[in-house]
């Protein structure tokens, strides 16, 4: 109902926002998750979700409703700011669990959470 994402009348109608990404779409269509990865500065991921993240960022520059990519002169400043914001909002920090099995715990929690997100 909104125009290019500028207005959000669905929230006023009581519909819950459903944030989705391309990694979830690939998972829904049966692509296996691949090996577990730790992306520098972004935290846990897997091969499918890392590829989905790359597609999300590259398509964002191609689907350019407000001409921000053209207005910024083709610079990747806005994409860099989004990456910084993504890192800031990710609550992933090593050393918080004080456990010798922290890597395995984080891998399990991340993998299980993504399975549940894909299944939604």
PDB file of N, CA and C in Angstrom:
ATOM      1  N   UNK A   1       0.806  -1.196   0.000  1.00  0.00           N
ATOM      2  CA  UNK A   1       0.000   0.000   0.000  1.00  0.00           C
ATOM      3  C   UNK A   1       0.850   1.262   0.000  1.00  0.00           C
ATOM      4  N   UNK A   2       2.046   1.183   0.541  1.00  0.00           N
ATOM      5  CA  UNK A   2       2.921   2.350   0.579  1.00  0.00           C
ATOM      6  C   UNK A   2       3.507   2.612  -0.793  1.00  0.00           C
ATOM      7  N   UNK A   3       4.061   3.770  -0.976  1.00  0.00           N
ATOM      8  CA  UNK A   3       4.660   4.145  -2.251  1.00  0.00           C
ATOM      9  C   UNK A   3       6.174   4.097  -2.108  1.00  0.00           C
ATOM     10  N   UNK A   4       6.802   3.068  -2.672  1.00  0.00           N
ATOM     11  CA  UNK A   4       8.251   2.953  -2.654  1.00  0.00           C
ATOM     12  C   UNK A   4       8.860   2.899  -1.265  1.00  0.00           C
ATOM     13  N   UNK A   5       8.101   2.476  -0.282  1.00  0.00           N
ATOM     14  CA  UNK A   5       8.622   2.394   1.068  1.00  0.00           C
ATOM     15  C   UNK A   5       8.654   3.727   1.797  1.00  0.00           C
ATOM     16  N   UNK A   6       8.057   4.755   1.223  1.00  0.00           N
ATOM     17  CA  UNK A   6       8.064   6.076   1.867  1.00  0.00           C
ATOM     18  C   UNK A   6       7.039   6.163   2.993  1.00  0.00           C
ATOM     19  N   UNK A   7       5.905   5.517   2.829  1.00  0.00           N
ATOM     20  CA  UNK A   7       4.868   5.521   3.864  1.00  0.00           C
ATOM     21  C   UNK A   7       4.618   4.090   4.305  1.00  0.00           C
ATOM     22  N   UNK A   8       4.162   3.947   5.516  1.00  0.00           N
ATOM     23  CA  UNK A   8       3.911   2.621   6.066  1.00  0.00           C
ATOM     24  C   UNK A   8       2.489   2.544   6.609  1.00  0.00           C
ATOM     25  N   UNK A   9       1.485   2.503   5.730  1.00  0.00           N
ATOM     26  CA  UNK A   9       0.105   2.422   6.213  1.00  0.00           C
ATOM     27  C   UNK A   9      -0.225   1.069   6.830  1.00  0.00           C
ATOM     28  N   UNK A  10       0.543   0.021   6.534  1.00  0.00           N
ATOM     29  CA  UNK A  10       0.259  -1.308   7.079  1.00  0.00           C
ATOM     30  C   UNK A  10       0.421  -1.327   8.596  1.00  0.00           C
ATOM     31  N   UNK A  11       1.395  -0.598   9.129  1.00  0.00           N
ATOM     32  CA  UNK A  11       1.579  -0.551  10.588  1.00  0.00           C
ATOM     33  C   UNK A  11       0.391   0.103  11.266  1.00  0.00           C
ATOM     34  N   UNK A  12      -0.137   1.140  10.634  1.00  0.00           N
ATOM     35  CA  UNK A  12      -1.311   1.805  11.207  1.00  0.00           C
ATOM     36  C   UNK A  12      -2.550   0.918  11.144  1.00  0.00           C
ATOM     37  N   UNK A  13      -2.530  -0.044  10.213  1.00  0.00           N
ATOM     38  CA  UNK A  13      -3.651  -0.976  10.099  1.00  0.00           C
ATOM     39  C   UNK A  13      -3.478  -2.164  11.034  1.00  0.00           C
ATOM     40  N   UNK A  14      -2.373  -2.219  11.773  1.00  0.00           N
ATOM     41  CA  UNK A  14      -2.174  -3.293  12.738  1.00  0.00           C
ATOM     42  C   UNK A  14      -1.366  -4.468  12.225  1.00  0.00           C
ATOM     43  N   UNK A  15      -0.828  -4.389  11.013  1.00  0.00           N
ATOM     44  CA  UNK A  15      -0.005  -5.471  10.485  1.00  0.00           C
ATOM     45  C   UNK A  15       1.417  -5.341  11.019  1.00  0.00           C
ATOM     46  N   UNK A  16       2.011  -6.455  11.407  1.00  0.00           N
ATOM     47  CA  UNK A  16       3.344  -6.471  11.983  1.00  0.00           C
ATOM     48  C   UNK A  16       4.379  -6.444  10.862  1.00  0.00           C
ATOM     49  N   UNK A  17       5.429  -5.644  11.041  1.00  0.00           N
ATOM     50  CA  UNK A  17       6.508  -5.578  10.051  1.00  0.00           C
ATOM     51  C   UNK A  17       7.254  -6.904  10.032  1.00  0.00           C
ATOM     52  N   UNK A  18       7.516  -7.421   8.844  1.00  0.00           N
ATOM     53  CA  UNK A  18       8.198  -8.695   8.662  1.00  0.00           C
ATOM     54  C   UNK A  18       9.540  -8.450   7.972  1.00  0.00           C
ATOM     55  N   UNK A  19      10.601  -8.195   8.730  1.00  0.00           N
ATOM     56  CA  UNK A  19      11.901  -7.978   8.078  1.00  0.00           C
ATOM     57  C   UNK A  19      12.447  -9.299   7.534  1.00  0.00           C
ATOM     58  N   UNK A  20      12.692  -9.336   6.269  1.00  0.00           N
ATOM     59  CA  UNK A  20      13.206 -10.532   5.605  1.00  0.00           C
ATOM     60  C   UNK A  20      14.466 -10.149   4.838  1.00  0.00           C
ATOM     61  N   UNK A  21      15.296 -11.137   4.539  1.00  0.00           N
ATOM     62  CA  UNK A  21      16.482 -10.893   3.729  1.00  0.00           C
ATOM     63  C   UNK A  21      16.599 -12.002   2.687  1.00  0.00           C
ATOM     64  N   UNK A  22      17.519 -11.811   1.746  1.00  0.00           N
ATOM     65  CA  UNK A  22      17.649 -12.760   0.650  1.00  0.00           C
ATOM     66  C   UNK A  22      18.163 -14.115   1.125  1.00  0.00           C
ATOM     67  N   UNK A  23      18.933 -14.137   2.217  1.00  0.00           N
ATOM     68  CA  UNK A  23      19.386 -15.409   2.782  1.00  0.00           C
ATOM     69  C   UNK A  23      18.213 -16.261   3.241  1.00  0.00           C
ATOM     70  N   UNK A  24      17.195 -15.618   3.832  1.00  0.00           N
ATOM     71  CA  UNK A  24      15.992 -16.350   4.241  1.00  0.00           C
ATOM     72  C   UNK A  24      15.238 -16.856   3.016  1.00  0.00           C
ATOM     73  N   UNK A  25      15.196 -16.063   1.965  1.00  0.00           N
ATOM     74  CA  UNK A  25      14.525 -16.495   0.733  1.00  0.00           C
ATOM     75  C   UNK A  25      15.217 -17.718   0.146  1.00  0.00           C
ATOM     76  N   UNK A  26      16.546 -17.683   0.112  1.00  0.00           N
ATOM     77  CA  UNK A  26      17.286 -18.844  -0.403  1.00  0.00           C
ATOM     78  C   UNK A  26      17.042 -20.079   0.456  1.00  0.00           C
ATOM     79  N   UNK A  27      16.995 -19.892   1.772  1.00  0.00           N
ATOM     80  CA  UNK A  27      16.716 -21.008   2.669  1.00  0.00           C
ATOM     81  C   UNK A  27      15.320 -21.570   2.470  1.00  0.00           C
ATOM     82  N   UNK A  28      14.356 -20.683   2.237  1.00  0.00           N
ATOM     83  CA  UNK A  28      12.976 -21.129   2.001  1.00  0.00           C
ATOM     84  C   UNK A  28      12.896 -21.995   0.748  1.00  0.00           C
ATOM     85  N   UNK A  29      13.693 -21.667  -0.260  1.00  0.00           N
ATOM     86  CA  UNK A  29      13.674 -22.432  -1.505  1.00  0.00           C
ATOM     87  C   UNK A  29      14.604 -23.635  -1.467  1.00  0.00           C
ATOM     88  N   UNK A  30      15.149 -23.970  -0.298  1.00  0.00           N
ATOM     89  CA  UNK A  30      15.858 -25.235  -0.131  1.00  0.00           C
ATOM     90  C   UNK A  30      17.368 -25.191  -0.287  1.00  0.00           C
ATOM     91  N   UNK A  31      17.964 -24.024  -0.460  1.00  0.00           N
ATOM     92  CA  UNK A  31      19.414 -23.958  -0.563  1.00  0.00           C
ATOM     93  C   UNK A  31      20.026 -24.267   0.800  1.00  0.00           C
ATOM     94  N   UNK A  32      20.956 -25.210   0.886  1.00  0.00           N
ATOM     95  CA  UNK A  32      21.554 -25.532   2.187  1.00  0.00           C
ATOM     96  C   UNK A  32      22.361 -24.355   2.726  1.00  0.00           C
ATOM     97  N   UNK A  33      22.490 -24.297   4.054  1.00  0.00           N
ATOM     98  CA  UNK A  33      23.125 -23.133   4.670  1.00  0.00           C
ATOM     99  C   UNK A  33      24.621 -23.069   4.450  1.00  0.00           C
ATOM    100  N   UNK A  34      25.286 -24.173   4.227  1.00  0.00           N
ATOM    101  CA  UNK A  34      26.722 -24.170   3.996  1.00  0.00           C
ATOM    102  C   UNK A  34      27.493 -24.047   5.298  1.00  0.00           C
ATOM    103  N   UNK A  35      28.788 -23.830   5.212  1.00  0.00           N
ATOM    104  CA  UNK A  35      29.611 -23.779   6.422  1.00  0.00           C
ATOM    105  C   UNK A  35      29.335 -22.518   7.243  1.00  0.00           C
ATOM    106  N   UNK A  36      29.563 -22.636   8.528  1.00  0.00           N
ATOM    107  CA  UNK A  36      29.414 -21.523   9.461  1.00  0.00           C
ATOM    108  C   UNK A  36      30.587 -20.568   9.288  1.00  0.00           C
ATOM    109  N   UNK A  37      30.306 -19.273   9.275  1.00  0.00           N
ATOM    110  CA  UNK A  37      31.338 -18.258   9.085  1.00  0.00           C
ATOM    111  C   UNK A  37      31.240 -17.195  10.172  1.00  0.00           C
ATOM    112  N   UNK A  38      32.345 -16.567  10.465  1.00  0.00           N
ATOM    113  CA  UNK A  38      32.352 -15.358  11.275  1.00  0.00           C
ATOM    114  C   UNK A  38      32.818 -14.245  10.342  1.00  0.00           C
ATOM    115  N   UNK A  39      31.910 -13.346   9.987  1.00  0.00           N
ATOM    116  CA  UNK A  39      32.269 -12.245   9.104  1.00  0.00           C
ATOM    117  C   UNK A  39      32.963 -11.153   9.916  1.00  0.00           C
ATOM    118  N   UNK A  40      34.107 -10.687   9.455  1.00  0.00           N
ATOM    119  CA  UNK A  40      34.807  -9.631  10.194  1.00  0.00           C
ATOM    120  C   UNK A  40      33.902  -8.417  10.398  1.00  0.00           C
ATOM    121  N   UNK A  41      33.810  -7.975  11.619  1.00  0.00           N
ATOM    122  CA  UNK A  41      33.043  -6.795  12.041  1.00  0.00           C
ATOM    123  C   UNK A  41      31.531  -6.980  11.959  1.00  0.00           C
ATOM    124  N   UNK A  42      31.041  -8.074  11.386  1.00  0.00           N
ATOM    125  CA  UNK A  42      29.589  -8.279  11.292  1.00  0.00           C
ATOM    126  C   UNK A  42      29.096  -9.449  12.126  1.00  0.00           C
ATOM    127  N   UNK A  43      29.987 -10.339  12.526  1.00  0.00           N
ATOM    128  CA  UNK A  43      29.583 -11.420  13.398  1.00  0.00           C
ATOM    129  C   UNK A  43      29.256 -12.709  12.679  1.00  0.00           C
ATOM    130  N   UNK A  44      28.454 -13.568  13.323  1.00  0.00           N
ATOM    131  CA  UNK A  44      28.192 -14.908  12.788  1.00  0.00           C
ATOM    132  C   UNK A  44      27.328 -14.876  11.541  1.00  0.00           C
ATOM    133  N   UNK A  45      27.566 -15.857  10.691  1.00  0.00           N
ATOM    134  CA  UNK A  45      26.793 -16.013   9.458  1.00  0.00           C
ATOM    135  C   UNK A  45      27.031 -17.426   8.953  1.00  0.00           C
ATOM    136  N   UNK A  46      26.525 -17.715   7.793  1.00  0.00           N
ATOM    137  CA  UNK A  46      26.876 -18.933   7.077  1.00  0.00           C
ATOM    138  C   UNK A  46      27.010 -18.552   5.611  1.00  0.00           C
ATOM    139  N   UNK A  47      27.432 -19.481   4.785  1.00  0.00           N
ATOM    140  CA  UNK A  47      27.715 -19.152   3.389  1.00  0.00           C
ATOM    141  C   UNK A  47      26.472 -18.638   2.670  1.00  0.00           C
ATOM    142  N   UNK A  48      25.328 -19.280   2.898  1.00  0.00           N
ATOM    143  CA  UNK A  48      24.077 -18.843   2.256  1.00  0.00           C
ATOM    144  C   UNK A  48      23.703 -17.427   2.676  1.00  0.00           C
ATOM    145  N   UNK A  49      23.786 -17.135   3.966  1.00  0.00           N
ATOM    146  CA  UNK A  49      23.397 -15.815   4.449  1.00  0.00           C
ATOM    147  C   UNK A  49      24.400 -14.743   4.057  1.00  0.00           C
ATOM    148  N   UNK A  50      25.686 -15.093   3.971  1.00  0.00           N
ATOM    149  CA  UNK A  50      26.687 -14.127   3.508  1.00  0.00           C
ATOM    150  C   UNK A  50      26.429 -13.768   2.046  1.00  0.00           C
ATOM    151  N   UNK A  51      26.106 -14.776   1.231  1.00  0.00           N
ATOM    152  CA  UNK A  51      25.767 -14.493  -0.169  1.00  0.00           C
ATOM    153  C   UNK A  51      24.487 -13.669  -0.250  1.00  0.00           C
ATOM    154  N   UNK A  52      23.516 -13.984   0.604  1.00  0.00           N
ATOM    155  CA  UNK A  52      22.280 -13.204   0.629  1.00  0.00           C
ATOM    156  C   UNK A  52      22.519 -11.763   1.036  1.00  0.00           C
ATOM    157  N   UNK A  53      23.433 -11.544   1.965  1.00  0.00           N
ATOM    158  CA  UNK A  53      23.778 -10.189   2.388  1.00  0.00           C
ATOM    159  C   UNK A  53      24.412  -9.420   1.239  1.00  0.00           C
ATOM    160  N   UNK A  54      25.304 -10.077   0.495  1.00  0.00           N
ATOM    161  CA  UNK A  54      25.932  -9.427  -0.662  1.00  0.00           C
ATOM    162  C   UNK A  54      24.884  -9.071  -1.718  1.00  0.00           C
ATOM    163  N   UNK A  55      23.927  -9.969  -1.956  1.00  0.00           N
ATOM    164  CA  UNK A  55      22.861  -9.684  -2.920  1.00  0.00           C
ATOM    165  C   UNK A  55      21.986  -8.544  -2.424  1.00  0.00           C
ATOM    166  N   UNK A  56      21.644  -8.544  -1.135  1.00  0.00           N
ATOM    167  CA  UNK A  56      20.825  -7.459  -0.579  1.00  0.00           C
ATOM    168  C   UNK A  56      21.477  -6.106  -0.805  1.00  0.00           C
ATOM    169  N   UNK A  57      22.772  -6.006  -0.514  1.00  0.00           N
ATOM    170  CA  UNK A  57      23.473  -4.732  -0.666  1.00  0.00           C
ATOM    171  C   UNK A  57      23.644  -4.345  -2.129  1.00  0.00           C
ATOM    172  N   UNK A  58      23.913  -5.322  -3.012  1.00  0.00           N
ATOM    173  CA  UNK A  58      24.104  -4.975  -4.423  1.00  0.00           C
ATOM    174  C   UNK A  58      22.787  -4.610  -5.094  1.00  0.00           C
ATOM    175  N   UNK A  59      21.704  -5.308  -4.754  1.00  0.00           N
ATOM    176  CA  UNK A  59      20.413  -4.964  -5.355  1.00  0.00           C
ATOM    177  C   UNK A  59      19.875  -3.643  -4.839  1.00  0.00           C
ATOM    178  N   UNK A  60      20.267  -3.297  -3.623  1.00  0.00           N
ATOM    179  CA  UNK A  60      19.817  -2.021  -3.075  1.00  0.00           C
ATOM    180  C   UNK A  60      20.306  -0.867  -3.946  1.00  0.00           C
ATOM    181  N   UNK A  61      21.485  -1.001  -4.521  1.00  0.00           N
ATOM    182  CA  UNK A  61      22.014   0.049  -5.389  1.00  0.00           C
ATOM    183  C   UNK A  61      21.375  -0.001  -6.772  1.00  0.00           C
ATOM    184  N   UNK A  62      20.866  -1.162  -7.176  1.00  0.00           N
ATOM    185  CA  UNK A  62      20.243  -1.281  -8.485  1.00  0.00           C
ATOM    186  C   UNK A  62      18.789  -0.814  -8.477  1.00  0.00           C
ATOM    187  N   UNK A  63      18.066  -1.164  -7.412  1.00  0.00           N
ATOM    188  CA  UNK A  63      16.682  -0.732  -7.259  1.00  0.00           C
ATOM    189  C   UNK A  63      16.758   0.618  -6.557  1.00  0.00           C
ATOM    190  N   UNK A  64      16.733   1.670  -7.327  1.00  0.00           N
ATOM    191  CA  UNK A  64      17.095   2.996  -6.847  1.00  0.00           C
ATOM    192  C   UNK A  64      15.911   3.952  -7.004  1.00  0.00           C
ATOM    193  N   UNK A  65      14.869   3.745  -6.192  1.00  0.00           N
ATOM    194  CA  UNK A  65      13.660   4.549  -6.317  1.00  0.00           C
ATOM    195  C   UNK A  65      13.896   6.032  -6.051  1.00  0.00           C
ATOM    196  N   UNK A  66      14.736   6.346  -5.082  1.00  0.00           N
ATOM    197  CA  UNK A  66      14.939   7.748  -4.701  1.00  0.00           C
ATOM    198  C   UNK A  66      16.204   8.337  -5.300  1.00  0.00           C
ATOM    199  N   UNK A  67      16.868   7.619  -6.186  1.00  0.00           N
ATOM    200  CA  UNK A  67      18.083   8.066  -6.873  1.00  0.00           C
ATOM    201  C   UNK A  67      19.210   8.414  -5.911  1.00  0.00           C
ATOM    202  N   UNK A  68      19.293   7.722  -4.768  1.00  0.00           N
ATOM    203  CA  UNK A  68      20.374   8.045  -3.839  1.00  0.00           C
ATOM    204  C   UNK A  68      21.722   7.595  -4.381  1.00  0.00           C
ATOM    205  N   UNK A  69      21.770   6.478  -5.136  1.00  0.00           N
ATOM    206  CA  UNK A  69      23.042   6.024  -5.691  1.00  0.00           C
ATOM    207  C   UNK A  69      23.539   7.014  -6.735  1.00  0.00           C
ATOM    208  N   UNK A  70      22.640   7.507  -7.536  1.00  0.00           N
ATOM    209  CA  UNK A  70      23.017   8.492  -8.546  1.00  0.00           C
ATOM    210  C   UNK A  70      23.390   9.815  -7.884  1.00  0.00           C
ATOM    211  N   UNK A  71      22.645  10.223  -6.872  1.00  0.00           N
ATOM    212  CA  UNK A  71      22.908  11.492  -6.194  1.00  0.00           C
ATOM    213  C   UNK A  71      24.223  11.463  -5.434  1.00  0.00           C
ATOM    214  N   UNK A  72      24.629  10.291  -4.944  1.00  0.00           N
ATOM    215  CA  UNK A  72      25.879  10.208  -4.196  1.00  0.00           C
ATOM    216  C   UNK A  72      27.076  10.044  -5.118  1.00  0.00           C
ATOM    217  N   UNK A  73      26.855  10.103  -6.425  1.00  0.00           N
ATOM    218  CA  UNK A  73      27.966  10.015  -7.371  1.00  0.00           C
ATOM    219  C   UNK A  73      28.559   8.628  -7.480  1.00  0.00           C
ATOM    220  N   UNK A  74      27.779   7.614  -7.167  1.00  0.00           N
ATOM    221  CA  UNK A  74      28.274   6.241  -7.249  1.00  0.00           C
ATOM    222  C   UNK A  74      29.157   5.844  -6.076  1.00  0.00           C
ATOM    223  N   UNK A  75      29.272   6.705  -5.083  1.00  0.00           N
ATOM    224  CA  UNK A  75      30.070   6.389  -3.905  1.00  0.00           C
ATOM    225  C   UNK A  75      29.348   5.344  -3.062  1.00  0.00           C
ATOM    226  N   UNK A  76      30.110   4.605  -2.310  1.00  0.00           N
ATOM    227  CA  UNK A  76      29.537   3.566  -1.464  1.00  0.00           C
ATOM    228  C   UNK A  76      29.395   4.043  -0.020  1.00  0.00           C
ATOM    229  N   UNK A  77      29.303   5.335   0.180  1.00  0.00           N
ATOM    230  CA  UNK A  77      29.212   5.900   1.524  1.00  0.00           C
ATOM    231  C   UNK A  77      27.971   5.463   2.271  1.00  0.00           C
ATOM    232  N   UNK A  78      26.843   5.451   1.594  1.00  0.00           N
ATOM    233  CA  UNK A  78      25.596   5.062   2.258  1.00  0.00           C
ATOM    234  C   UNK A  78      25.631   3.582   2.607  1.00  0.00           C
ATOM    235  N   UNK A  79      26.175   2.759   1.714  1.00  0.00           N
ATOM    236  CA  UNK A  79      26.315   1.338   2.007  1.00  0.00           C
ATOM    237  C   UNK A  79      27.269   1.128   3.178  1.00  0.00           C
ATOM    238  N   UNK A  80      28.348   1.895   3.233  1.00  0.00           N
ATOM    239  CA  UNK A  80      29.285   1.781   4.357  1.00  0.00           C
ATOM    240  C   UNK A  80      28.607   2.179   5.665  1.00  0.00           C
ATOM    241  N   UNK A  81      27.778   3.221   5.621  1.00  0.00           N
ATOM    242  CA  UNK A  81      27.051   3.616   6.824  1.00  0.00           C
ATOM    243  C   UNK A  81      26.078   2.538   7.265  1.00  0.00           C
ATOM    244  N   UNK A  82      25.427   1.875   6.310  1.00  0.00           N
ATOM    245  CA  UNK A  82      24.535   0.773   6.666  1.00  0.00           C
ATOM    246  C   UNK A  82      25.297  -0.361   7.319  1.00  0.00           C
ATOM    247  N   UNK A  83      26.502  -0.670   6.817  1.00  0.00           N
ATOM    248  CA  UNK A  83      27.319  -1.727   7.418  1.00  0.00           C
ATOM    249  C   UNK A  83      27.729  -1.356   8.841  1.00  0.00           C
ATOM    250  N   UNK A  84      28.099  -0.094   9.053  1.00  0.00           N
ATOM    251  CA  UNK A  84      28.454   0.347  10.403  1.00  0.00           C
ATOM    252  C   UNK A  84      27.246   0.239  11.320  1.00  0.00           C
ATOM    253  N   UNK A  85      26.078   0.647  10.831  1.00  0.00           N
ATOM    254  CA  UNK A  85      24.870   0.545  11.642  1.00  0.00           C
ATOM    255  C   UNK A  85      24.529  -0.911  11.932  1.00  0.00           C
ATOM    256  N   UNK A  86      24.704  -1.792  10.941  1.00  0.00           N
ATOM    257  CA  UNK A  86      24.426  -3.216  11.144  1.00  0.00           C
ATOM    258  C   UNK A  86      25.339  -3.773  12.227  1.00  0.00           C
ATOM    259  N   UNK A  87      26.604  -3.376  12.212  1.00  0.00           N
ATOM    260  CA  UNK A  87      27.537  -3.851  13.232  1.00  0.00           C
ATOM    261  C   UNK A  87      27.155  -3.310  14.601  1.00  0.00           C
ATOM    262  N   UNK A  88      26.730  -2.049  14.663  1.00  0.00           N
ATOM    263  CA  UNK A  88      26.361  -1.442  15.930  1.00  0.00           C
ATOM    264  C   UNK A  88      25.132  -2.115  16.541  1.00  0.00           C
ATOM    265  N   UNK A  89      24.175  -2.501  15.709  1.00  0.00           N
ATOM    266  CA  UNK A  89      22.946  -3.106  16.208  1.00  0.00           C
ATOM    267  C   UNK A  89      23.074  -4.609  16.433  1.00  0.00           C
ATOM    268  N   UNK A  90      24.189  -5.217  16.015  1.00  0.00           N
ATOM    269  CA  UNK A  90      24.427  -6.633  16.272  1.00  0.00           C
ATOM    270  C   UNK A  90      24.995  -6.778  17.672  1.00  0.00           C
ATOM    271  N   UNK A  91      24.312  -7.524  18.525  1.00  0.00           N
ATOM    272  CA  UNK A  91      24.737  -7.644  19.913  1.00  0.00           C
ATOM    273  C   UNK A  91      25.776  -8.753  20.108  1.00  0.00           C
ATOM    274  N   UNK A  92      26.399  -9.195  19.036  1.00  0.00           N
ATOM    275  CA  UNK A  92      27.381 -10.276  19.087  1.00  0.00           C
ATOM    276  C   UNK A  92      28.725  -9.742  19.566  1.00  0.00           C
ATOM    277  N   UNK A  93      29.230 -10.288  20.637  1.00  0.00           N
ATOM    278  CA  UNK A  93      30.555  -9.954  21.150  1.00  0.00           C
ATOM    279  C   UNK A  93      31.167 -11.223  21.738  1.00  0.00           C
ATOM    280  N   UNK A  94      32.351 -11.563  21.275  1.00  0.00           N
ATOM    281  CA  UNK A  94      33.053 -12.693  21.885  1.00  0.00           C
ATOM    282  C   UNK A  94      33.513 -12.303  23.274  1.00  0.00           C
ATOM    283  N   UNK A  95      33.558 -13.265  24.168  1.00  0.00           N
ATOM    284  CA  UNK A  95      34.042 -13.038  25.517  1.00  0.00           C
ATOM    285  C   UNK A  95      32.954 -12.736  26.516  1.00  0.00           C
ATOM    286  N   UNK A  96      31.714 -12.616  26.093  1.00  0.00           N
ATOM    287  CA  UNK A  96      30.622 -12.303  27.011  1.00  0.00           C
ATOM    288  C   UNK A  96      30.162 -13.518  27.802  1.00  0.00           C
ATOM    289  N   UNK A  97      30.326 -14.703  27.244  1.00  0.00           N
ATOM    290  CA  UNK A  97      29.800 -15.896  27.896  1.00  0.00           C
ATOM    291  C   UNK A  97      30.759 -16.481  28.926  1.00  0.00           C
ATOM    292  N   UNK A  98      32.033 -16.110  28.856  1.00  0.00           N
ATOM    293  CA  UNK A  98      33.040 -16.644  29.773  1.00  0.00           C
ATOM    294  C   UNK A  98      32.993 -18.170  29.833  1.00  0.00           C
ATOM    295  N   UNK A  99      32.954 -18.786  28.681  1.00  0.00           N
ATOM    296  CA  UNK A  99      32.866 -20.236  28.587  1.00  0.00           C
ATOM    297  C   UNK A  99      33.946 -20.739  27.628  1.00  0.00           C
ATOM    298  N   UNK A 100      34.552 -21.890  27.917  1.00  0.00           N
ATOM    299  CA  UNK A 100      35.524 -22.434  26.968  1.00  0.00           C
ATOM    300  C   UNK A 100      34.849 -22.952  25.691  1.00  0.00           C
ATOM    301  N   UNK A 101      33.519 -23.074  25.711  1.00  0.00           N
ATOM    302  CA  UNK A 101      32.783 -23.575  24.551  1.00  0.00           C
ATOM    303  C   UNK A 101      31.955 -22.468  23.895  1.00  0.00           C
ATOM    304  N   UNK A 102      32.434 -21.253  24.025  1.00  0.00           N
ATOM    305  CA  UNK A 102      31.680 -20.101  23.523  1.00  0.00           C
ATOM    306  C   UNK A 102      31.436 -20.187  22.014  1.00  0.00           C
ATOM    307  N   UNK A 103      32.439 -20.561  21.237  1.00  0.00           N
ATOM    308  CA  UNK A 103      32.298 -20.661  19.790  1.00  0.00           C
ATOM    309  C   UNK A 103      31.172 -21.619  19.422  1.00  0.00           C
ATOM    310  N   UNK A 104      31.154 -22.792  20.050  1.00  0.00           N
ATOM    311  CA  UNK A 104      30.122 -23.784  19.751  1.00  0.00           C
ATOM    312  C   UNK A 104      28.735 -23.289  20.160  1.00  0.00           C
ATOM    313  N   UNK A 105      28.667 -22.588  21.297  1.00  0.00           N
ATOM    314  CA  UNK A 105      27.376 -22.074  21.755  1.00  0.00           C
ATOM    315  C   UNK A 105      26.839 -21.017  20.798  1.00  0.00           C
ATOM    316  N   UNK A 106      27.685 -20.102  20.388  1.00  0.00           N
ATOM    317  CA  UNK A 106      27.242 -19.050  19.472  1.00  0.00           C
ATOM    318  C   UNK A 106      26.859 -19.651  18.131  1.00  0.00           C
ATOM    319  N   UNK A 107      27.649 -20.609  17.653  1.00  0.00           N
ATOM    320  CA  UNK A 107      27.324 -21.259  16.384  1.00  0.00           C
ATOM    321  C   UNK A 107      25.961 -21.944  16.464  1.00  0.00           C
ATOM    322  N   UNK A 108      25.691 -22.654  17.564  1.00  0.00           N
ATOM    323  CA  UNK A 108      24.410 -23.335  17.719  1.00  0.00           C
ATOM    324  C   UNK A 108      23.257 -22.336  17.783  1.00  0.00           C
ATOM    325  N   UNK A 109      23.393 -21.304  18.604  1.00  0.00           N
ATOM    326  CA  UNK A 109      22.305 -20.327  18.763  1.00  0.00           C
ATOM    327  C   UNK A 109      22.039 -19.610  17.451  1.00  0.00           C
ATOM    328  N   UNK A 110      23.103 -19.183  16.757  1.00  0.00           N
ATOM    329  CA  UNK A 110      22.908 -18.492  15.478  1.00  0.00           C
ATOM    330  C   UNK A 110      22.242 -19.410  14.457  1.00  0.00           C
ATOM    331  N   UNK A 111      22.762 -20.638  14.330  1.00  0.00           N
ATOM    332  CA  UNK A 111      22.219 -21.569  13.335  1.00  0.00           C
ATOM    333  C   UNK A 111      20.760 -21.897  13.624  1.00  0.00           C
ATOM    334  N   UNK A 112      20.427 -22.108  14.876  1.00  0.00           N
ATOM    335  CA  UNK A 112      19.041 -22.430  15.246  1.00  0.00           C
ATOM    336  C   UNK A 112      18.119 -21.236  15.012  1.00  0.00           C
ATOM    337  N   UNK A 113      18.589 -20.032  15.354  1.00  0.00           N
ATOM    338  CA  UNK A 113      17.777 -18.832  15.140  1.00  0.00           C
ATOM    339  C   UNK A 113      17.499 -18.629  13.652  1.00  0.00           C
ATOM    340  N   UNK A 114      18.498 -18.849  12.802  1.00  0.00           N
ATOM    341  CA  UNK A 114      18.283 -18.687  11.357  1.00  0.00           C
ATOM    342  C   UNK A 114      17.340 -19.760  10.822  1.00  0.00           C
ATOM    343  N   UNK A 115      17.441 -20.983  11.335  1.00  0.00           N
ATOM    344  CA  UNK A 115      16.498 -22.038  10.925  1.00  0.00           C
ATOM    345  C   UNK A 115      15.061 -21.609  11.223  1.00  0.00           C
ATOM    346  N   UNK A 116      14.864 -21.046  12.405  1.00  0.00           N
ATOM    347  CA  UNK A 116      13.518 -20.601  12.783  1.00  0.00           C
ATOM    348  C   UNK A 116      13.054 -19.426  11.941  1.00  0.00           C
ATOM    349  N   UNK A 117      13.954 -18.509  11.596  1.00  0.00           N
ATOM    350  CA  UNK A 117      13.596 -17.375  10.749  1.00  0.00           C
ATOM    351  C   UNK A 117      13.221 -17.845   9.345  1.00  0.00           C
ATOM    352  N   UNK A 118      13.950 -18.824   8.824  1.00  0.00           N
ATOM    353  CA  UNK A 118      13.650 -19.352   7.492  1.00  0.00           C
ATOM    354  C   UNK A 118      12.314 -20.081   7.510  1.00  0.00           C
ATOM    355  N   UNK A 119      12.025 -20.792   8.595  1.00  0.00           N
ATOM    356  CA  UNK A 119      10.787 -21.577   8.687  1.00  0.00           C
ATOM    357  C   UNK A 119       9.534 -20.704   8.822  1.00  0.00           C
ATOM    358  N   UNK A 120       9.677 -19.457   9.294  1.00  0.00           N
ATOM    359  CA  UNK A 120       8.521 -18.561   9.450  1.00  0.00           C
ATOM    360  C   UNK A 120       7.782 -18.338   8.170  1.00  0.00           C
TER     361      UNK A 120
END
